[in-house]
Amino acid sequence: MADAGRPRIPTAVKERQGTLEKSRVSAAEPTFPDGNKEAPANLTGPASMEYERLAGLLLAQGLFPATAESELAFGCWWYGQWCLAQLHIEAHGQVELTAFGWKPNPSVRIAATAASHYFTMCGRFGLDPASAGKVTARPKGEDADELTRKREARRAAR
């Protein structure tokens, strides 16, 4: 059963934001290696290219652990489905003539569903404008900015 309320912010994100309280960190919290930039073999065409594009962006920000590879792959698979549906719509139109008259092209619904799932995945990774403000990340090894240094100094003085 899922937890009620807002989802937890990962410790790595809190650390990059400068809001991590050491007293609230579990010593048993797992750490994971970075994810793989190369797309899984089952992704082909546009889905594979989208995976590699997004994986590179997420790795550069330090937001792509190996445990998130399947989530990104599923989101990119939906992107590939959207591309296929769009090609079918372009070739056959938004409505089709059947034995029972004019009916909506099933690819329209497929495209809408695929876009919805893709945008949900983007939101979980902070890749859309609305959720990007919720994630503050920097490449690994980059020095903290002045505001972060001041915040850390105030916390250390407590």
N, C-alpha and C. Protein backbone atom coordinates (compact mmCIF):
# COMPACT_ATOMS: atom_id res chain seq x y z
N MET A 1 0.84 -1.18 0.00
CA MET A 1 0.00 0.00 0.00
C MET A 1 0.88 1.24 0.00
N ALA A 2 0.54 2.19 -0.80
CA ALA A 2 1.35 3.40 -0.94
C ALA A 2 1.16 4.31 0.27
N ASP A 3 2.20 5.08 0.58
CA ASP A 3 2.12 6.04 1.67
C ASP A 3 1.25 7.22 1.26
N ALA A 4 0.47 7.71 2.20
CA ALA A 4 -0.36 8.88 1.92
C ALA A 4 0.48 10.15 1.98
N GLY A 5 0.02 11.18 1.30
CA GLY A 5 0.72 12.46 1.34
C GLY A 5 1.71 12.64 0.22
N ARG A 6 2.52 13.68 0.38
CA ARG A 6 3.53 13.97 -0.64
C ARG A 6 4.60 12.91 -0.67
N PRO A 7 5.15 12.62 -1.86
CA PRO A 7 6.24 11.65 -1.91
C PRO A 7 7.50 12.23 -1.27
N ARG A 8 8.31 11.35 -0.68
CA ARG A 8 9.55 11.78 -0.05
C ARG A 8 10.51 12.32 -1.08
N ILE A 9 11.26 13.31 -0.68
CA ILE A 9 12.33 13.83 -1.54
C ILE A 9 13.57 12.99 -1.27
N PRO A 10 14.19 12.45 -2.30
CA PRO A 10 15.37 11.61 -2.08
C PRO A 10 16.49 12.37 -1.38
N THR A 11 17.25 11.65 -0.57
CA THR A 11 18.34 12.25 0.18
C THR A 11 19.34 12.95 -0.74
N ALA A 12 19.63 12.36 -1.89
CA ALA A 12 20.59 12.98 -2.82
C ALA A 12 20.09 14.34 -3.29
N VAL A 13 18.79 14.46 -3.50
CA VAL A 13 18.24 15.74 -3.95
C VAL A 13 18.31 16.75 -2.81
N LYS A 14 17.97 16.33 -1.58
CA LYS A 14 18.06 17.23 -0.43
C LYS A 14 19.49 17.72 -0.24
N GLU A 15 20.46 16.80 -0.44
CA GLU A 15 21.86 17.17 -0.28
C GLU A 15 22.26 18.24 -1.29
N ARG A 16 21.82 18.07 -2.54
CA ARG A 16 22.15 19.05 -3.57
C ARG A 16 21.43 20.38 -3.35
N GLN A 17 20.25 20.33 -2.73
CA GLN A 17 19.50 21.55 -2.45
C GLN A 17 20.05 22.29 -1.24
N GLY A 18 20.82 21.58 -0.41
CA GLY A 18 21.32 22.19 0.81
C GLY A 18 20.32 22.13 1.93
N THR A 19 19.31 21.29 1.85
CA THR A 19 18.29 21.19 2.88
C THR A 19 18.39 19.89 3.68
N LEU A 20 19.47 19.16 3.52
CA LEU A 20 19.62 17.87 4.19
C LEU A 20 19.96 18.08 5.66
N GLU A 21 19.18 17.47 6.52
CA GLU A 21 19.45 17.47 7.96
C GLU A 21 20.10 16.14 8.29
N LYS A 22 21.34 16.17 8.75
CA LYS A 22 22.09 14.94 9.02
C LYS A 22 21.38 14.07 10.05
N SER A 23 20.64 14.68 10.97
CA SER A 23 19.95 13.91 12.00
C SER A 23 18.80 13.09 11.44
N ARG A 24 18.34 13.40 10.24
CA ARG A 24 17.21 12.70 9.64
C ARG A 24 17.63 11.68 8.57
N VAL A 25 18.90 11.47 8.43
CA VAL A 25 19.40 10.54 7.42
C VAL A 25 19.56 9.17 8.06
N SER A 26 19.02 8.16 7.43
CA SER A 26 19.17 6.79 7.90
C SER A 26 20.55 6.28 7.51
N ALA A 27 21.24 5.69 8.48
CA ALA A 27 22.55 5.12 8.19
C ALA A 27 22.43 3.91 7.28
N ALA A 28 21.24 3.32 7.24
CA ALA A 28 21.02 2.13 6.43
C ALA A 28 20.47 2.46 5.04
N GLU A 29 20.37 3.75 4.70
CA GLU A 29 19.84 4.11 3.39
C GLU A 29 20.78 3.64 2.29
N PRO A 30 20.24 2.94 1.31
CA PRO A 30 21.12 2.43 0.24
C PRO A 30 21.59 3.53 -0.68
N THR A 31 22.74 3.33 -1.27
CA THR A 31 23.23 4.21 -2.32
C THR A 31 23.40 3.35 -3.57
N PHE A 32 23.14 3.95 -4.71
CA PHE A 32 23.17 3.19 -5.95
C PHE A 32 24.13 3.84 -6.94
N PRO A 33 24.73 3.03 -7.80
CA PRO A 33 25.61 3.59 -8.83
C PRO A 33 24.79 4.35 -9.87
N ASP A 34 25.47 5.13 -10.68
CA ASP A 34 24.80 5.87 -11.74
C ASP A 34 24.19 4.91 -12.75
N GLY A 35 23.11 5.37 -13.38
CA GLY A 35 22.45 4.58 -14.41
C GLY A 35 23.27 4.53 -15.68
N ASN A 36 22.81 3.68 -16.59
CA ASN A 36 23.50 3.47 -17.86
C ASN A 36 22.95 4.42 -18.92
N LYS A 37 23.83 5.12 -19.62
CA LYS A 37 23.40 6.06 -20.64
C LYS A 37 22.88 5.36 -21.89
N GLU A 38 23.34 4.13 -22.13
CA GLU A 38 22.91 3.40 -23.33
C GLU A 38 21.52 2.81 -23.11
N ALA A 39 20.69 2.93 -24.12
CA ALA A 39 19.31 2.44 -24.04
C ALA A 39 19.28 0.92 -23.96
N PRO A 40 18.29 0.37 -23.23
CA PRO A 40 18.14 -1.09 -23.20
C PRO A 40 17.87 -1.63 -24.61
N ALA A 41 18.19 -2.89 -24.83
CA ALA A 41 18.07 -3.50 -26.15
C ALA A 41 16.62 -3.54 -26.65
N ASN A 42 15.65 -3.57 -25.73
CA ASN A 42 14.26 -3.65 -26.17
C ASN A 42 13.70 -2.32 -26.66
N LEU A 43 14.43 -1.23 -26.47
CA LEU A 43 14.00 0.06 -27.00
C LEU A 43 14.63 0.26 -28.37
N THR A 44 13.82 0.67 -29.33
CA THR A 44 14.32 0.88 -30.67
C THR A 44 13.83 2.23 -31.19
N GLY A 45 14.43 2.68 -32.25
CA GLY A 45 13.98 3.89 -32.94
C GLY A 45 13.94 5.11 -32.04
N PRO A 46 12.84 5.88 -32.12
CA PRO A 46 12.74 7.12 -31.35
C PRO A 46 12.82 6.89 -29.84
N ALA A 47 12.31 5.76 -29.36
CA ALA A 47 12.36 5.48 -27.92
C ALA A 47 13.80 5.35 -27.44
N SER A 48 14.63 4.68 -28.21
CA SER A 48 16.03 4.51 -27.87
C SER A 48 16.77 5.85 -27.88
N MET A 49 16.51 6.65 -28.90
CA MET A 49 17.17 7.96 -28.98
C MET A 49 16.74 8.86 -27.83
N GLU A 50 15.46 8.80 -27.44
CA GLU A 50 14.97 9.62 -26.33
C GLU A 50 15.59 9.17 -25.01
N TYR A 51 15.73 7.86 -24.82
CA TYR A 51 16.35 7.34 -23.61
C TYR A 51 17.78 7.87 -23.48
N GLU A 52 18.55 7.76 -24.54
CA GLU A 52 19.94 8.20 -24.49
C GLU A 52 20.05 9.70 -24.28
N ARG A 53 19.13 10.46 -24.87
CA ARG A 53 19.13 11.92 -24.69
C ARG A 53 18.83 12.28 -23.24
N LEU A 54 17.76 11.70 -22.69
CA LEU A 54 17.37 12.03 -21.32
C LEU A 54 18.36 11.47 -20.30
N ALA A 55 18.88 10.27 -20.53
CA ALA A 55 19.85 9.69 -19.60
C ALA A 55 21.09 10.58 -19.51
N GLY A 56 21.54 11.10 -20.63
CA GLY A 56 22.69 12.01 -20.60
C GLY A 56 22.42 13.27 -19.79
N LEU A 57 21.23 13.84 -19.96
CA LEU A 57 20.87 15.04 -19.19
C LEU A 57 20.78 14.74 -17.70
N LEU A 58 20.14 13.63 -17.35
CA LEU A 58 19.98 13.27 -15.95
C LEU A 58 21.30 12.91 -15.29
N LEU A 59 22.16 12.19 -16.01
CA LEU A 59 23.47 11.85 -15.46
C LEU A 59 24.30 13.11 -15.19
N ALA A 60 24.21 14.08 -16.07
CA ALA A 60 24.97 15.32 -15.90
C ALA A 60 24.54 16.06 -14.64
N GLN A 61 23.28 15.87 -14.23
CA GLN A 61 22.78 16.52 -13.02
C GLN A 61 22.91 15.64 -11.78
N GLY A 62 23.37 14.41 -11.96
CA GLY A 62 23.50 13.50 -10.83
C GLY A 62 22.16 12.97 -10.35
N LEU A 63 21.18 12.89 -11.24
CA LEU A 63 19.83 12.48 -10.87
C LEU A 63 19.40 11.18 -11.54
N PHE A 64 20.34 10.32 -11.89
CA PHE A 64 19.97 9.10 -12.60
C PHE A 64 20.67 7.88 -12.01
N PRO A 65 20.14 7.36 -10.89
CA PRO A 65 20.72 6.14 -10.34
C PRO A 65 20.32 4.93 -11.17
N ALA A 66 21.04 3.86 -11.03
CA ALA A 66 20.76 2.64 -11.79
C ALA A 66 19.35 2.13 -11.52
N THR A 67 18.81 2.40 -10.34
CA THR A 67 17.47 1.93 -10.00
C THR A 67 16.39 2.65 -10.78
N ALA A 68 16.70 3.74 -11.43
CA ALA A 68 15.71 4.49 -12.20
C ALA A 68 15.74 4.16 -13.69
N GLU A 69 16.61 3.24 -14.09
CA GLU A 69 16.73 2.91 -15.51
C GLU A 69 15.42 2.37 -16.09
N SER A 70 14.76 1.48 -15.37
CA SER A 70 13.53 0.89 -15.90
C SER A 70 12.42 1.93 -15.99
N GLU A 71 12.35 2.85 -15.03
CA GLU A 71 11.33 3.89 -15.09
C GLU A 71 11.55 4.80 -16.31
N LEU A 72 12.79 5.16 -16.55
CA LEU A 72 13.09 5.97 -17.72
C LEU A 72 12.82 5.18 -19.00
N ALA A 73 13.15 3.90 -19.01
CA ALA A 73 12.91 3.07 -20.20
C ALA A 73 11.41 2.98 -20.51
N PHE A 74 10.59 2.80 -19.47
CA PHE A 74 9.14 2.74 -19.69
C PHE A 74 8.62 4.06 -20.24
N GLY A 75 9.10 5.16 -19.68
CA GLY A 75 8.67 6.47 -20.18
C GLY A 75 9.07 6.68 -21.62
N CYS A 76 10.27 6.26 -21.97
CA CYS A 76 10.74 6.41 -23.35
C CYS A 76 10.01 5.45 -24.28
N TRP A 77 9.62 4.27 -23.78
CA TRP A 77 8.81 3.35 -24.59
C TRP A 77 7.49 4.02 -24.95
N TRP A 78 6.88 4.72 -23.97
CA TRP A 78 5.64 5.45 -24.26
C TRP A 78 5.89 6.54 -25.29
N TYR A 79 7.07 7.18 -25.24
CA TYR A 79 7.41 8.18 -26.25
C TYR A 79 7.44 7.55 -27.63
N GLY A 80 8.02 6.35 -27.73
CA GLY A 80 8.07 5.63 -29.00
C GLY A 80 6.67 5.28 -29.50
N GLN A 81 5.78 4.91 -28.57
CA GLN A 81 4.40 4.60 -28.95
C GLN A 81 3.69 5.85 -29.47
N TRP A 82 3.96 6.98 -28.85
CA TRP A 82 3.37 8.25 -29.30
C TRP A 82 3.85 8.55 -30.73
N CYS A 83 5.14 8.35 -30.99
CA CYS A 83 5.67 8.60 -32.34
C CYS A 83 4.98 7.70 -33.38
N LEU A 84 4.83 6.41 -33.04
CA LEU A 84 4.16 5.49 -33.97
C LEU A 84 2.70 5.90 -34.21
N ALA A 85 2.01 6.28 -33.15
CA ALA A 85 0.62 6.70 -33.28
C ALA A 85 0.52 7.96 -34.14
N GLN A 86 1.44 8.88 -33.97
CA GLN A 86 1.43 10.11 -34.77
C GLN A 86 1.63 9.80 -36.26
N LEU A 87 2.52 8.86 -36.57
CA LEU A 87 2.72 8.46 -37.96
C LEU A 87 1.44 7.87 -38.55
N HIS A 88 0.75 7.05 -37.76
CA HIS A 88 -0.49 6.44 -38.23
C HIS A 88 -1.57 7.50 -38.44
N ILE A 89 -1.64 8.48 -37.55
CA ILE A 89 -2.63 9.56 -37.68
C ILE A 89 -2.34 10.39 -38.93
N GLU A 90 -1.06 10.69 -39.16
CA GLU A 90 -0.70 11.45 -40.35
C GLU A 90 -1.05 10.71 -41.63
N ALA A 91 -0.91 9.38 -41.61
CA ALA A 91 -1.18 8.59 -42.81
C ALA A 91 -2.68 8.36 -43.04
N HIS A 92 -3.44 8.23 -41.95
CA HIS A 92 -4.84 7.83 -42.09
C HIS A 92 -5.85 8.86 -41.59
N GLY A 93 -5.38 9.94 -40.98
CA GLY A 93 -6.29 10.96 -40.47
C GLY A 93 -6.80 10.63 -39.07
N GLN A 94 -7.52 11.60 -38.49
CA GLN A 94 -8.02 11.42 -37.13
C GLN A 94 -9.30 10.61 -37.06
N VAL A 95 -9.99 10.48 -38.19
CA VAL A 95 -11.18 9.64 -38.25
C VAL A 95 -11.03 8.66 -39.40
N GLU A 96 -11.67 7.49 -39.26
CA GLU A 96 -11.59 6.46 -40.29
C GLU A 96 -13.00 6.04 -40.69
N LEU A 97 -13.16 5.71 -41.94
CA LEU A 97 -14.44 5.21 -42.42
C LEU A 97 -14.46 3.69 -42.24
N THR A 98 -15.39 3.20 -41.45
CA THR A 98 -15.53 1.77 -41.22
C THR A 98 -16.86 1.30 -41.80
N ALA A 99 -17.18 0.03 -41.66
CA ALA A 99 -18.45 -0.51 -42.14
C ALA A 99 -19.63 0.12 -41.41
N PHE A 100 -19.37 0.67 -40.23
CA PHE A 100 -20.43 1.29 -39.43
C PHE A 100 -20.44 2.81 -39.53
N GLY A 101 -19.66 3.36 -40.41
CA GLY A 101 -19.59 4.81 -40.59
C GLY A 101 -18.26 5.36 -40.11
N TRP A 102 -18.22 6.66 -39.91
CA TRP A 102 -16.99 7.32 -39.49
C TRP A 102 -16.76 7.09 -38.00
N LYS A 103 -15.55 6.68 -37.66
CA LYS A 103 -15.16 6.42 -36.27
C LYS A 103 -13.82 7.09 -36.01
N PRO A 104 -13.59 7.47 -34.75
CA PRO A 104 -12.28 8.04 -34.42
C PRO A 104 -11.17 7.02 -34.68
N ASN A 105 -10.07 7.49 -35.20
CA ASN A 105 -8.90 6.64 -35.41
C ASN A 105 -8.39 6.20 -34.02
N PRO A 106 -8.23 4.90 -33.78
CA PRO A 106 -7.74 4.43 -32.47
C PRO A 106 -6.37 5.01 -32.10
N SER A 107 -5.61 5.41 -33.09
CA SER A 107 -4.28 5.96 -32.81
C SER A 107 -4.36 7.29 -32.06
N VAL A 108 -5.48 7.99 -32.18
CA VAL A 108 -5.63 9.26 -31.45
C VAL A 108 -5.62 8.98 -29.95
N ARG A 109 -6.36 7.97 -29.52
CA ARG A 109 -6.39 7.63 -28.10
C ARG A 109 -5.04 7.08 -27.65
N ILE A 110 -4.42 6.27 -28.49
CA ILE A 110 -3.10 5.72 -28.16
C ILE A 110 -2.10 6.86 -27.97
N ALA A 111 -2.13 7.84 -28.86
CA ALA A 111 -1.21 8.98 -28.76
C ALA A 111 -1.46 9.77 -27.47
N ALA A 112 -2.73 9.98 -27.14
CA ALA A 112 -3.05 10.73 -25.93
C ALA A 112 -2.60 9.99 -24.67
N THR A 113 -2.84 8.69 -24.64
CA THR A 113 -2.41 7.88 -23.50
C THR A 113 -0.89 7.87 -23.38
N ALA A 114 -0.22 7.69 -24.49
CA ALA A 114 1.24 7.65 -24.48
C ALA A 114 1.82 8.99 -24.01
N ALA A 115 1.24 10.08 -24.49
CA ALA A 115 1.73 11.40 -24.07
C ALA A 115 1.52 11.60 -22.57
N SER A 116 0.39 11.17 -22.06
CA SER A 116 0.11 11.30 -20.63
C SER A 116 1.14 10.53 -19.80
N HIS A 117 1.42 9.29 -20.18
CA HIS A 117 2.41 8.50 -19.43
C HIS A 117 3.81 9.10 -19.55
N TYR A 118 4.15 9.59 -20.72
CA TYR A 118 5.48 10.20 -20.92
C TYR A 118 5.63 11.44 -20.05
N PHE A 119 4.61 12.29 -20.02
CA PHE A 119 4.70 13.51 -19.22
C PHE A 119 4.73 13.21 -17.73
N THR A 120 4.07 12.15 -17.31
CA THR A 120 4.14 11.73 -15.91
C THR A 120 5.58 11.35 -15.56
N MET A 121 6.22 10.57 -16.43
CA MET A 121 7.60 10.19 -16.20
C MET A 121 8.50 11.43 -16.16
N CYS A 122 8.28 12.36 -17.07
CA CYS A 122 9.10 13.58 -17.08
C CYS A 122 8.96 14.34 -15.76
N GLY A 123 7.76 14.40 -15.23
CA GLY A 123 7.54 15.09 -13.96
C GLY A 123 8.27 14.43 -12.81
N ARG A 124 8.35 13.12 -12.82
CA ARG A 124 9.04 12.40 -11.74
C ARG A 124 10.55 12.67 -11.76
N PHE A 125 11.09 12.94 -12.93
CA PHE A 125 12.52 13.23 -13.04
C PHE A 125 12.83 14.73 -13.03
N GLY A 126 11.80 15.58 -12.92
CA GLY A 126 12.03 17.01 -12.93
C GLY A 126 12.37 17.55 -14.30
N LEU A 127 11.85 16.91 -15.36
CA LEU A 127 12.21 17.28 -16.73
C LEU A 127 11.22 18.24 -17.39
N ASP A 128 10.14 18.58 -16.72
CA ASP A 128 9.20 19.54 -17.30
C ASP A 128 9.27 20.83 -16.51
N PRO A 129 8.84 21.95 -17.09
CA PRO A 129 8.99 23.24 -16.42
C PRO A 129 8.31 23.31 -15.05
N ALA A 130 7.17 22.65 -14.90
CA ALA A 130 6.46 22.72 -13.63
C ALA A 130 7.20 21.99 -12.51
N SER A 131 7.81 20.86 -12.83
CA SER A 131 8.49 20.10 -11.78
C SER A 131 9.97 20.43 -11.68
N ALA A 132 10.52 21.15 -12.64
CA ALA A 132 11.95 21.48 -12.59
C ALA A 132 12.27 22.34 -11.38
N GLY A 133 11.34 23.19 -10.98
CA GLY A 133 11.56 24.03 -9.81
C GLY A 133 11.57 23.26 -8.51
N LYS A 134 11.08 22.02 -8.51
CA LYS A 134 11.05 21.21 -7.30
C LYS A 134 12.36 20.46 -7.09
N VAL A 135 13.20 20.41 -8.12
CA VAL A 135 14.46 19.68 -8.03
C VAL A 135 15.60 20.66 -8.29
N THR A 136 16.51 20.74 -7.34
CA THR A 136 17.70 21.56 -7.53
C THR A 136 18.88 20.61 -7.55
N ALA A 137 19.56 20.54 -8.65
CA ALA A 137 20.66 19.59 -8.75
C ALA A 137 21.84 20.25 -9.43
N ARG A 138 23.00 19.76 -9.07
CA ARG A 138 24.23 20.23 -9.69
C ARG A 138 25.07 19.02 -10.07
N PRO A 139 25.91 19.16 -11.07
CA PRO A 139 26.81 18.05 -11.38
C PRO A 139 27.68 17.71 -10.18
N LYS A 140 28.03 16.45 -10.06
CA LYS A 140 28.86 16.01 -8.95
C LYS A 140 30.19 16.75 -8.97
N GLY A 141 30.64 17.11 -7.77
CA GLY A 141 31.94 17.74 -7.64
C GLY A 141 31.91 19.25 -7.82
N GLU A 142 30.79 19.80 -8.22
CA GLU A 142 30.72 21.24 -8.41
C GLU A 142 30.64 21.91 -7.04
N ASP A 143 31.36 22.99 -6.85
CA ASP A 143 31.33 23.69 -5.58
C ASP A 143 29.96 24.30 -5.35
N ALA A 144 29.59 24.38 -4.09
CA ALA A 144 28.31 24.96 -3.73
C ALA A 144 28.32 26.46 -4.01
N ASP A 145 27.18 26.99 -4.34
CA ASP A 145 27.11 28.43 -4.56
C ASP A 145 27.13 29.17 -3.22
N GLU A 146 27.17 30.49 -3.25
CA GLU A 146 27.31 31.29 -2.04
C GLU A 146 26.15 31.09 -1.08
N LEU A 147 24.93 31.04 -1.60
CA LEU A 147 23.75 30.86 -0.76
C LEU A 147 23.81 29.51 -0.03
N THR A 148 24.21 28.47 -0.71
CA THR A 148 24.31 27.15 -0.09
C THR A 148 25.38 27.15 0.99
N ARG A 149 26.52 27.79 0.74
CA ARG A 149 27.58 27.86 1.75
C ARG A 149 27.10 28.58 2.99
N LYS A 150 26.35 29.68 2.83
CA LYS A 150 25.83 30.42 3.99
C LYS A 150 24.82 29.57 4.75
N ARG A 151 23.96 28.88 4.03
CA ARG A 151 22.96 28.03 4.67
C ARG A 151 23.64 26.93 5.48
N GLU A 152 24.69 26.31 4.90
CA GLU A 152 25.40 25.26 5.60
C GLU A 152 26.13 25.80 6.83
N ALA A 153 26.66 27.02 6.75
CA ALA A 153 27.33 27.62 7.87
C ALA A 153 26.35 27.89 9.02
N ARG A 154 25.14 28.36 8.67
CA ARG A 154 24.11 28.60 9.70
C ARG A 154 23.72 27.29 10.38
N ARG A 155 23.58 26.25 9.60
CA ARG A 155 23.18 24.95 10.18
C ARG A 155 24.29 24.39 11.06
N ALA A 156 25.54 24.57 10.64
CA ALA A 156 26.66 24.07 11.45
C ALA A 156 26.77 24.83 12.76
N ALA A 157 26.37 26.09 12.78
CA ALA A 157 26.47 26.90 13.99
C ALA A 157 25.37 26.55 15.01
N ARG A 158 24.35 25.84 14.59
CA ARG A 158 23.26 25.49 15.53
C ARG A 158 23.69 24.57 16.60
